[in-house]
Protein backbone atom coordinates (compact mmCIF):
# COMPACT_ATOMS: atom_id res chain seq x y z
CA MET A 1 23.02 -45.23 15.71
CA LYS A 2 23.36 -45.76 11.98
CA ARG A 3 26.23 -48.08 11.05
CA VAL A 4 27.27 -47.46 7.44
CA GLY A 5 30.03 -49.28 5.57
CA ALA A 6 30.71 -51.17 2.36
CA HIS A 7 31.42 -54.60 0.94
CA VAL A 8 35.21 -54.44 1.07
CA SER A 9 37.83 -56.64 -0.51
CA ALA A 10 39.26 -59.57 1.43
CA SER A 11 42.00 -60.15 -1.13
CA GLY A 12 45.09 -61.34 0.71
CA GLY A 13 43.05 -62.73 3.61
CA VAL A 14 39.99 -61.85 5.69
CA SER A 15 42.14 -59.74 8.01
CA LYS A 16 42.70 -57.36 5.09
CA ALA A 17 38.95 -56.68 4.93
CA VAL A 18 39.14 -55.12 8.39
CA THR A 19 41.87 -52.67 7.40
CA ASN A 20 40.05 -51.92 4.15
CA ALA A 21 36.92 -51.07 6.11
CA ALA A 22 38.90 -48.86 8.46
CA SER A 23 40.42 -46.97 5.52
CA ILE A 24 36.97 -45.71 4.43
CA ASN A 25 35.82 -44.86 7.98
CA ALA A 26 33.24 -47.63 7.90
CA LYS A 27 31.16 -48.48 10.96
CA ALA A 28 30.06 -51.80 9.41
CA PHE A 29 31.25 -53.94 6.53
CA ALA A 30 30.64 -56.97 4.35
CA LEU A 31 33.15 -59.34 2.80
CA PHE A 32 33.42 -62.70 1.11
CA VAL A 33 34.79 -65.18 3.62
CA LYS A 34 35.98 -67.30 0.68
CA ASN A 35 36.16 -67.06 -3.10
CA GLN A 36 32.55 -66.33 -4.07
CA ARG A 37 32.82 -68.30 -7.30
CA GLN A 38 34.06 -71.53 -5.75
CA TRP A 39 32.03 -74.09 -3.84
CA PHE A 40 34.70 -74.84 -1.24
CA THR A 41 38.12 -73.50 -0.27
CA LYS A 42 40.78 -74.18 2.31
CA PRO A 43 39.65 -73.23 5.86
CA PHE A 44 41.35 -70.33 7.63
CA GLY A 45 44.62 -70.91 9.40
CA GLU A 46 44.92 -69.90 13.06
CA ASP A 47 47.22 -67.01 12.14
CA GLU A 48 44.61 -65.46 9.83
CA VAL A 49 41.89 -65.71 12.48
CA ASP A 50 44.24 -64.06 15.02
CA LYS A 51 45.07 -61.25 12.54
CA PHE A 52 41.37 -60.72 11.84
CA ASN A 53 40.59 -60.37 15.54
CA PHE A 54 43.62 -58.20 16.21
CA ASN A 55 42.79 -55.80 13.38
CA LEU A 56 39.17 -55.64 14.53
CA SER A 57 40.22 -54.83 18.09
CA LYS A 58 41.84 -51.62 16.84
CA ILE A 59 38.71 -50.14 15.24
CA ASP A 60 35.16 -49.27 16.28
CA ILE A 61 33.30 -52.07 14.48
CA SER A 62 31.69 -54.90 16.42
CA LYS A 63 31.22 -58.35 14.93
CA ASP A 64 27.46 -57.72 15.01
CA MET A 65 28.06 -55.12 12.28
CA ILE A 66 29.81 -57.56 9.92
CA LEU A 67 27.52 -59.19 7.35
CA PRO A 68 29.47 -61.48 5.00
CA HIS A 69 28.04 -62.35 1.60
CA GLY A 70 27.73 -65.98 0.56
CA SER A 71 28.80 -67.58 -2.70
CA TYR A 72 26.94 -66.70 -5.88
CA LEU A 73 26.90 -70.42 -6.75
CA ILE A 74 24.53 -71.33 -3.93
CA ASN A 75 20.95 -72.12 -5.00
CA LEU A 76 18.99 -73.22 -1.94
CA GLY A 77 15.81 -73.62 -3.96
CA SER A 78 17.24 -75.64 -6.81
CA PRO A 79 14.89 -78.20 -8.36
CA LYS A 80 17.95 -80.34 -9.11
CA GLU A 81 18.60 -82.37 -5.97
CA GLU A 82 22.33 -82.74 -6.61
CA GLY A 83 22.67 -78.97 -7.04
CA ARG A 84 20.65 -78.21 -3.92
CA GLU A 85 22.65 -80.68 -1.83
CA LYS A 86 25.90 -79.09 -3.00
CA SER A 87 24.46 -75.65 -2.25
CA ILE A 88 23.51 -76.68 1.28
CA LYS A 89 26.97 -78.14 1.90
CA SER A 90 28.59 -74.95 0.58
CA LEU A 91 26.33 -72.81 2.78
CA ILE A 92 27.22 -74.91 5.83
CA PHE A 93 30.91 -74.58 4.96
CA GLU A 94 30.60 -70.78 4.85
CA LEU A 95 28.56 -70.68 8.06
CA LYS A 96 31.39 -72.60 9.76
CA LEU A 97 33.91 -70.07 8.41
CA CYS A 98 31.80 -67.29 9.92
CA ARG A 99 31.61 -69.18 13.22
CA ARG A 100 35.40 -69.53 13.22
CA LEU A 101 35.68 -65.74 12.95
CA GLY A 102 33.00 -65.14 15.57
CA ILE A 103 30.65 -63.56 13.01
CA LYS A 104 26.98 -64.18 13.76
CA ALA A 105 25.26 -63.87 10.36
CA LEU A 106 25.77 -64.74 6.69
CA ASN A 107 23.87 -63.11 3.82
CA VAL A 108 22.81 -65.32 0.89
CA HIS A 109 20.64 -65.06 -2.20
CA PRO A 110 17.70 -67.49 -1.95
CA GLY A 111 18.05 -69.09 -5.37
CA SER A 112 16.18 -69.96 -8.54
CA HIS A 113 13.49 -72.38 -9.68
CA LEU A 114 15.19 -72.66 -13.10
CA ARG A 115 11.68 -72.73 -14.63
CA GLU A 116 11.35 -76.37 -13.58
CA ILE A 117 9.18 -75.97 -10.46
CA SER A 118 6.76 -73.34 -9.16
CA GLU A 119 7.88 -70.32 -7.16
CA GLU A 120 6.03 -71.70 -4.14
CA GLU A 121 7.83 -75.04 -4.28
CA CYS A 122 11.15 -73.27 -4.75
CA LEU A 123 10.51 -71.05 -1.71
CA ASP A 124 9.66 -74.10 0.38
CA LYS A 125 12.92 -75.76 -0.70
CA VAL A 126 14.82 -72.64 0.42
CA ALA A 127 13.22 -72.87 3.86
CA GLU A 128 14.05 -76.60 4.07
CA SER A 129 17.66 -75.84 3.11
CA VAL A 130 17.92 -73.16 5.80
CA ASN A 131 16.55 -75.60 8.38
CA ILE A 132 19.25 -78.14 7.49
CA ALA A 133 21.98 -75.48 7.74
CA ASN A 134 20.59 -74.09 11.02
CA LYS A 135 20.78 -77.51 12.65
CA GLU A 136 24.39 -77.96 11.53
CA VAL A 137 25.59 -74.45 12.51
CA PRO A 138 23.14 -72.93 15.03
CA GLU A 139 25.58 -70.18 16.01
CA VAL A 140 25.22 -68.25 12.73
CA LYS A 141 22.00 -66.75 11.33
CA VAL A 142 21.14 -67.23 7.65
CA VAL A 143 20.15 -63.83 6.22
CA ILE A 144 18.12 -64.03 3.00
CA GLU A 145 18.62 -61.14 0.55
CA ASN A 146 15.77 -59.90 -1.61
CA THR A 147 16.47 -60.14 -5.33
CA ALA A 148 15.88 -58.11 -8.47
CA GLY A 149 13.66 -60.78 -10.04
CA GLN A 150 15.98 -61.50 -12.93
CA GLY A 151 15.34 -64.70 -14.88
CA SER A 152 13.91 -67.42 -12.66
CA ASN A 153 15.19 -66.02 -9.36
CA ILE A 154 12.80 -65.98 -6.42
CA GLY A 155 12.90 -63.56 -3.48
CA TYR A 156 11.87 -60.42 -5.36
CA LYS A 157 8.57 -60.02 -3.52
CA LEU A 158 8.10 -59.38 0.18
CA GLU A 159 5.65 -62.28 0.16
CA HIS A 160 8.49 -64.56 -0.96
CA LEU A 161 10.60 -63.55 2.03
CA SER A 162 7.64 -64.07 4.35
CA ARG A 163 7.01 -67.57 2.99
CA ILE A 164 10.64 -68.57 3.48
CA ILE A 165 10.60 -67.34 7.08
CA GLU A 166 7.31 -69.12 7.71
CA GLY A 167 8.98 -72.40 6.72
CA VAL A 168 12.06 -71.91 8.91
CA GLU A 169 11.72 -73.76 12.19
CA ASN A 170 14.02 -71.60 14.35
CA LYS A 171 13.03 -67.99 13.71
CA GLU A 172 16.07 -66.79 15.68
CA LEU A 173 18.32 -68.20 12.96
CA VAL A 174 16.82 -66.48 9.91
CA GLY A 175 16.85 -62.85 8.83
CA VAL A 176 16.44 -60.62 5.80
CA CYS A 177 18.73 -58.16 4.03
CA ILE A 178 16.97 -55.59 1.84
CA ASP A 179 18.85 -54.26 -1.19
CA THR A 180 17.54 -50.89 -2.39
CA CYS A 181 18.49 -51.50 -6.02
CA HIS A 182 16.91 -54.96 -6.03
CA SER A 183 13.73 -53.63 -4.42
CA PHE A 184 13.44 -50.79 -6.93
CA VAL A 185 14.00 -52.85 -10.07
CA ALA A 186 11.64 -55.53 -8.71
CA GLY A 187 8.91 -52.87 -8.81
CA TYR A 188 8.88 -51.20 -5.39
CA ASN A 189 8.77 -47.40 -5.69
CA LEU A 190 11.61 -45.79 -3.71
CA LEU A 191 11.58 -42.47 -5.54
CA SER A 192 10.28 -40.36 -2.65
CA ARG A 193 10.51 -40.44 1.11
CA ASP A 194 6.79 -41.19 1.33
CA SER A 195 6.96 -44.13 -1.09
CA SER A 196 10.11 -45.41 0.65
CA ARG A 197 8.32 -45.24 4.00
CA ALA A 198 5.37 -47.11 2.47
CA PHE A 199 7.68 -49.87 1.21
CA PHE A 200 9.32 -50.43 4.58
CA ASP A 201 5.97 -50.21 6.37
CA GLU A 202 4.81 -52.98 4.03
CA PHE A 203 7.97 -54.91 4.97
CA VAL A 204 7.03 -54.54 8.65
CA ASP A 205 3.50 -55.80 7.96
CA LYS A 206 4.38 -58.70 5.66
CA VAL A 207 7.78 -59.83 6.96
CA GLY A 208 8.40 -58.24 10.36
CA ILE A 209 10.95 -55.66 11.46
CA GLU A 210 12.47 -58.20 13.85
CA PHE A 211 13.84 -60.08 10.84
CA LEU A 212 15.60 -57.08 9.27
CA SER A 213 19.29 -57.91 9.66
CA GLY A 214 20.91 -55.47 7.22
CA LEU A 215 20.53 -53.23 4.18
CA HIS A 216 22.48 -53.02 0.94
CA LEU A 217 22.54 -49.39 -0.15
CA ASN A 218 22.68 -49.06 -3.93
CA ASP A 219 21.34 -46.76 -6.61
CA SER A 220 20.21 -48.39 -9.87
CA LYS A 221 21.43 -48.10 -13.44
CA THR A 222 18.02 -49.25 -14.67
CA GLU A 223 14.45 -48.06 -14.24
CA LEU A 224 11.73 -48.95 -11.76
CA GLY A 225 10.45 -52.47 -12.40
CA SER A 226 13.16 -53.35 -14.96
CA LYS A 227 14.14 -56.54 -13.08
CA LYS A 228 17.76 -55.88 -14.06
CA ASP A 229 20.33 -55.98 -11.27
CA ARG A 230 22.69 -53.13 -12.15
CA HIS A 231 24.03 -51.15 -9.20
CA GLU A 232 25.02 -47.48 -9.46
CA SER A 233 26.72 -44.94 -7.21
CA LEU A 234 24.42 -43.06 -4.84
CA GLY A 235 22.49 -40.25 -6.51
CA LYS A 236 23.78 -41.14 -9.97
CA GLY A 237 21.09 -43.61 -10.98
CA TYR A 238 17.33 -43.86 -11.38
CA ILE A 239 16.60 -44.03 -7.65
CA GLY A 240 18.20 -40.80 -6.45
CA LEU A 241 18.78 -39.86 -2.82
CA GLU A 242 15.30 -39.71 -1.27
CA VAL A 243 15.24 -43.32 -0.08
CA PHE A 244 18.64 -42.86 1.52
CA LYS A 245 17.43 -39.70 3.30
CA TYR A 246 14.55 -41.78 4.62
CA ILE A 247 16.84 -44.63 5.73
CA MET A 248 19.28 -42.33 7.51
CA ASN A 249 16.44 -40.70 9.46
CA SER A 250 14.27 -43.71 10.29
CA ASP A 251 14.38 -45.65 13.54
CA TYR A 252 13.89 -48.91 11.63
CA PHE A 253 17.56 -49.02 10.69
CA GLU A 254 19.36 -48.43 13.98
CA ASP A 255 22.33 -50.67 14.77
CA ILE A 256 22.17 -52.98 11.76
CA PRO A 257 24.81 -53.15 9.00
CA LEU A 258 24.09 -50.61 6.22
CA ILE A 259 26.35 -51.76 3.41
CA LEU A 260 27.30 -49.99 0.19
CA GLU A 261 27.71 -52.20 -2.86
CA THR A 262 27.94 -49.31 -5.29
CA VAL A 263 30.09 -49.54 -8.39
CA ASP A 264 33.04 -47.26 -7.58
CA PRO A 265 35.02 -48.33 -4.49
CA SER A 266 37.25 -45.27 -4.87
CA ILE A 267 34.40 -43.04 -3.64
CA TRP A 268 33.02 -45.26 -0.86
CA LYS A 269 34.55 -43.01 1.79
CA GLU A 270 32.80 -40.01 0.23
CA GLU A 271 29.53 -41.95 -0.12
CA ILE A 272 29.66 -42.87 3.57
CA GLU A 273 30.18 -39.19 4.40
CA LEU A 274 27.27 -38.32 2.10
CA LEU A 275 24.97 -40.72 3.89
CA TYR A 276 25.82 -39.33 7.32
CA SER A 277 25.30 -35.80 5.98
CA LEU A 278 21.67 -36.76 5.25
CA VAL A 279 20.90 -37.16 8.96
CA GLU A 280 18.57 -34.35 10.02
């Protein structure tokens, strides 16, 4: 079954994210488990954890279909040792927050070489960072998101994702989240069902379907290969709807979180309905 939702607000507490997801008829959702622009925050109180679990018990979303997004500050491949150490500590802090909620995965961007080291060295540092985090919090998988290739960011090629996974010691504790906008602007053609199928077949060959832990469903404000990360509402950007028709009718994407991060939250409910209407 396809499990479609959105990255909903957790303003007012993580328990609010559950009710926000329910309000758009989501079957999966993402959230920030803390302020995404701070390294560390106060841990959850017991009351907030209880409210989160209570709210979740009233709707048809399992914790396997929740894929939180990590802080934008984290750079697991940083060439600056102080920055990488702080990033690892922040990642571990967020993994522990997920564990406290009983959530089994956390999505993060891999990071940037800051034009100070090679892409290969940066990718190896990401894998090393994941290994450190995995040993500290083995209950929560680290899910690496592909990137748009802006600036000095790594992770915009399938080969980058494969290299990171190769360097992770416990393959059960690493996964990948594919963002359609990021893939498109990084240069992967998603304009037709055939080209979309070819991209995901390449993912299977180079990365492995067993590592696919979620999708971010976004159209793009910018053109193929632009390397500019600008999300758009479904069908209103340069990608169009063909890739989403493919996703909603492919067996590759059963029972993983399919998360909207499109630009207009007021139409997420309608976008979810649109996606389910594409099922043939």
